[in-house]
Structure formats: C-alpha cells, structure tokens
Amino acid sequence: MWQPSELEQTALHQKLRDGEILFAGNSQLNIYGRLTCGSGKRMLKKNRVFFQNEHEAIMQGYRPCGHCMKQAYKKWKDATI
C-alpha cells in the first residue's frame, strides 16, 4: 500500500503508467476500487492510498467499492451477513 505523501508525484505517475498501481482506496472508509471509479475520484487526496492488486487491499482490511466492483462487493457483503 502506498500513500501519496510517501511518493513523489513523478514516482506516483510512473507507477500508474507502468501498471504497478491498479487500485485506489479511501483510508478513512477502508474501501478500495478501480482507478476509473467516479466515487473514488471524488475522495479527498489526503485519504487516498494505492494498491498493486485486490489481494493487497483485502489483506490491509479494505472492502470492495459498491459502485465500480459490484460483484466483489456483493460477495463481500454476503460473506459478512
């Protein structure tokens, strides 16, 4: 997991271009989703964290976004009921 404050802007942009970062999360809500998610794009920059993959996000205690990851969210929700 990377926080933007830990990386210089150029390093962050390079990781995005290289495909090293595939998911973003909200550190306050513990939700992760795709980089293209409209909900994720509206979050405050100070709350953003980045993940290489879904497994990393789940291992950090994040749950899938209900907007951009509907199937994964439904599976998570059904497992927590």
Protein backbone atom coordinates (compact mmCIF):
# COMPACT_ATOMS: atom_id res chain seq x y z
CA MET A 1 0.00 0.00 0.00
CA TRP A 2 1.27 3.42 -0.91
CA GLN A 3 0.10 6.77 0.33
CA PRO A 4 0.62 9.74 -1.99
CA SER A 5 2.64 11.51 0.70
CA GLU A 6 5.16 8.64 0.64
CA LEU A 7 5.83 9.01 -3.09
CA GLU A 8 6.91 11.98 -5.13
CA GLN A 9 4.37 12.96 -7.77
CA THR A 10 6.64 11.79 -10.57
CA ALA A 11 7.17 8.39 -8.91
CA LEU A 12 3.42 8.02 -8.39
CA HIS A 13 2.68 8.88 -12.01
CA GLN A 14 5.35 6.44 -13.19
CA LYS A 15 3.84 3.61 -11.11
CA LEU A 16 0.42 4.40 -12.58
CA ARG A 17 1.80 4.38 -16.15
CA ASP A 18 3.73 1.14 -15.56
CA GLY A 19 0.64 -0.59 -14.21
CA GLU A 20 2.15 -1.14 -10.75
CA ILE A 21 -0.86 0.56 -9.19
CA LEU A 22 -4.21 -0.91 -10.20
CA PHE A 23 -6.49 0.05 -7.31
CA ALA A 24 -7.04 3.04 -5.06
CA GLY A 25 -8.61 3.16 -1.64
CA ASN A 26 -10.04 5.52 0.92
CA SER A 27 -8.06 5.24 4.16
CA GLN A 28 -10.90 6.71 6.24
CA LEU A 29 -13.62 4.38 4.95
CA ASN A 30 -11.45 1.31 4.23
CA ILE A 31 -12.93 0.95 0.74
CA TYR A 32 -10.92 0.13 -2.40
CA GLY A 33 -11.87 0.27 -6.05
CA ARG A 34 -10.71 0.73 -9.60
CA LEU A 35 -8.76 3.82 -10.58
CA THR A 36 -11.54 4.77 -13.00
CA CYS A 37 -14.28 4.79 -10.34
CA GLY A 38 -16.26 8.03 -10.16
CA SER A 39 -16.74 7.65 -6.41
CA GLY A 40 -13.04 7.16 -5.90
CA LYS A 41 -12.16 10.19 -7.97
CA ARG A 42 -14.23 12.36 -5.62
CA MET A 43 -12.41 11.34 -2.43
CA LEU A 44 -10.11 13.77 -0.71
CA LYS A 45 -6.48 13.44 -1.73
CA LYS A 46 -5.38 13.16 1.89
CA ASN A 47 -7.47 9.96 2.24
CA ARG A 48 -6.11 8.22 -0.87
CA VAL A 49 -4.00 5.10 -0.77
CA PHE A 50 -2.93 2.89 -3.66
CA PHE A 51 -2.67 -0.88 -4.07
CA GLN A 52 -0.95 -3.16 -6.57
CA ASN A 53 -3.83 -5.65 -6.53
CA GLU A 54 -7.06 -6.64 -4.81
CA HIS A 55 -5.36 -9.16 -2.55
CA GLU A 56 -3.18 -6.43 -1.06
CA ALA A 57 -6.22 -4.24 -0.37
CA ILE A 58 -8.13 -7.09 1.27
CA MET A 59 -5.13 -8.04 3.41
CA GLN A 60 -4.99 -4.42 4.64
CA GLY A 61 -8.64 -4.66 5.76
CA TYR A 62 -10.29 -2.81 2.86
CA ARG A 63 -13.61 -3.84 1.30
CA PRO A 64 -14.62 -3.58 -2.39
CA CYS A 65 -16.41 -0.49 -3.69
CA GLY A 66 -20.12 -0.98 -4.25
CA HIS A 67 -20.07 1.19 -7.39
CA CYS A 68 -17.20 0.00 -9.55
CA MET A 69 -16.82 -3.53 -8.16
CA LYS A 70 -20.41 -4.69 -7.81
CA GLN A 71 -19.73 -8.45 -7.94
CA ALA A 72 -16.85 -8.33 -5.46
CA TYR A 73 -18.90 -6.06 -3.19
CA LYS A 74 -21.89 -8.45 -3.29
CA LYS A 75 -19.62 -11.39 -2.46
CA TRP A 76 -18.08 -9.42 0.43
CA LYS A 77 -21.48 -8.33 1.72
CA ASP A 78 -22.95 -11.85 1.53
CA ALA A 79 -19.94 -13.15 3.49
CA THR A 80 -20.34 -10.57 6.27
CA ILE A 81 -24.06 -11.10 6.88
